[in-house]
Amino acid sequence: MPAAALKPKPLPTQSTAKRSVQLDLPYVPVEKRPLPPGRPRDWYVTHNRRLKAMRLAIALLDLGVYMPNQARNEKIRSTAELIGVHSPSDTTCHMVRALLRYSR
């Protein structure tokens, strides 16, 4: 096992979880690549919404939120603020809960 994998993660600065959580803060966005040209606008909107929902679902899992019924819109929006993305719409929040449902 590489030595880097043996290093413990830094402790989070804030957490609302009931147990201790190892959260890497701040989240660093991955390098952006241009999207393919020539698609309908709706495709780009859906693609970006799915990416945002995936980022939020991963952050919620890191915070200890594993069940969709634990992820109310307020919790998802506060997590979005924590990781530095714009507040999600109701549709995106619904998508986040769907991802959590299938993460088990």
Protein backbone atom coordinates (compact mmCIF):
# COMPACT_ATOMS: atom_id res chain seq x y z
CA MET A 1 0.00 0.00 0.00
CA PRO A 2 1.44 3.43 -0.90
CA ALA A 3 2.47 5.68 1.96
CA ALA A 4 0.03 8.39 0.83
CA ALA A 5 -2.89 6.01 1.38
CA LEU A 6 -1.84 5.49 5.00
CA LYS A 7 -2.03 9.20 5.91
CA PRO A 8 -5.16 10.06 7.91
CA LYS A 9 -7.57 12.57 6.44
CA PRO A 10 -7.69 15.99 8.13
CA LEU A 11 -10.54 16.55 10.57
CA PRO A 12 -13.49 18.62 9.31
CA THR A 13 -13.93 22.18 10.50
CA GLN A 14 -17.71 21.83 10.80
CA SER A 15 -20.08 18.91 10.79
CA THR A 16 -23.72 18.39 11.63
CA ALA A 17 -23.37 14.60 11.60
CA LYS A 18 -24.03 12.64 14.76
CA ARG A 19 -20.77 10.75 14.40
CA SER A 20 -17.32 12.03 13.54
CA VAL A 21 -16.88 12.51 9.82
CA GLN A 22 -13.68 12.70 7.82
CA LEU A 23 -14.55 15.42 5.29
CA ASP A 24 -11.96 16.83 2.94
CA LEU A 25 -12.52 20.59 3.02
CA PRO A 26 -12.53 22.58 0.87
CA TYR A 27 -13.77 20.57 -2.07
CA VAL A 28 -11.58 21.27 -5.05
CA PRO A 29 -13.43 21.12 -8.36
CA VAL A 30 -11.99 18.89 -11.04
CA GLU A 31 -10.49 20.43 -14.14
CA LYS A 32 -13.28 21.49 -16.48
CA ARG A 33 -13.34 20.34 -20.07
CA PRO A 34 -15.45 21.87 -22.82
CA LEU A 35 -18.74 20.15 -23.55
CA PRO A 36 -19.32 18.75 -27.03
CA PRO A 37 -20.76 21.33 -29.43
CA GLY A 38 -23.93 20.98 -31.47
CA ARG A 39 -26.25 19.43 -28.89
CA PRO A 40 -29.68 20.87 -28.02
CA ARG A 41 -29.69 23.32 -25.10
CA ASP A 42 -31.80 20.93 -23.03
CA TRP A 43 -29.00 18.34 -23.19
CA TYR A 44 -26.51 20.78 -21.62
CA VAL A 45 -28.97 21.78 -18.88
CA THR A 46 -29.62 18.13 -17.99
CA HIS A 47 -25.93 17.24 -18.13
CA ASN A 48 -24.93 20.05 -15.77
CA ARG A 49 -27.82 19.22 -13.43
CA ARG A 50 -26.67 15.60 -13.22
CA LEU A 51 -23.11 16.69 -12.44
CA LYS A 52 -24.31 19.00 -9.67
CA ALA A 53 -26.57 16.29 -8.23
CA MET A 54 -23.66 13.85 -8.21
CA ARG A 55 -21.37 16.32 -6.42
CA LEU A 56 -24.06 16.99 -3.81
CA ALA A 57 -24.81 13.30 -3.30
CA ILE A 58 -21.12 12.56 -2.73
CA ALA A 59 -20.84 15.44 -0.25
CA LEU A 60 -23.94 14.24 1.62
CA LEU A 61 -22.52 10.72 1.82
CA ASP A 62 -19.30 12.21 3.22
CA LEU A 63 -21.38 14.01 5.85
CA GLY A 64 -23.14 10.81 6.91
CA VAL A 65 -26.45 11.29 5.10
CA TYR A 66 -27.13 7.86 3.58
CA MET A 67 -30.92 7.70 3.27
CA PRO A 68 -33.05 9.82 0.92
CA ASN A 69 -35.47 10.68 3.74
CA GLN A 70 -32.55 12.28 5.64
CA ALA A 71 -31.83 14.60 2.69
CA ARG A 72 -34.48 17.28 2.82
CA ASN A 73 -34.18 20.24 0.44
CA GLU A 74 -32.81 22.43 3.25
CA LYS A 75 -30.06 19.90 4.03
CA ILE A 76 -29.11 19.58 0.36
CA ARG A 77 -29.02 23.37 -0.07
CA SER A 78 -26.89 23.87 3.05
CA THR A 79 -24.48 21.21 1.75
CA ALA A 80 -24.33 23.06 -1.57
CA GLU A 81 -23.33 26.20 0.30
CA LEU A 82 -20.72 24.20 2.25
CA ILE A 83 -19.05 22.84 -0.89
CA GLY A 84 -19.35 26.12 -2.80
CA VAL A 85 -21.94 25.47 -5.50
CA HIS A 86 -25.06 27.48 -6.27
CA SER A 87 -28.22 26.52 -4.42
CA PRO A 88 -29.92 23.65 -6.29
CA SER A 89 -33.46 23.71 -7.64
CA ASP A 90 -36.21 21.41 -6.41
CA THR A 91 -35.60 19.20 -9.45
CA THR A 92 -31.91 18.86 -8.62
CA CYS A 93 -32.75 18.06 -4.98
CA HIS A 94 -35.08 15.31 -6.22
CA MET A 95 -32.23 13.97 -8.38
CA VAL A 96 -29.87 13.96 -5.37
CA ARG A 97 -32.35 11.87 -3.38
CA ALA A 98 -32.65 9.45 -6.32
CA LEU A 99 -28.86 9.06 -6.37
CA LEU A 100 -28.83 8.40 -2.61
CA ARG A 101 -31.57 5.79 -3.08
CA TYR A 102 -29.40 3.86 -5.52
CA SER A 103 -26.13 4.31 -3.61
CA ARG A 104 -26.95 1.51 -1.16
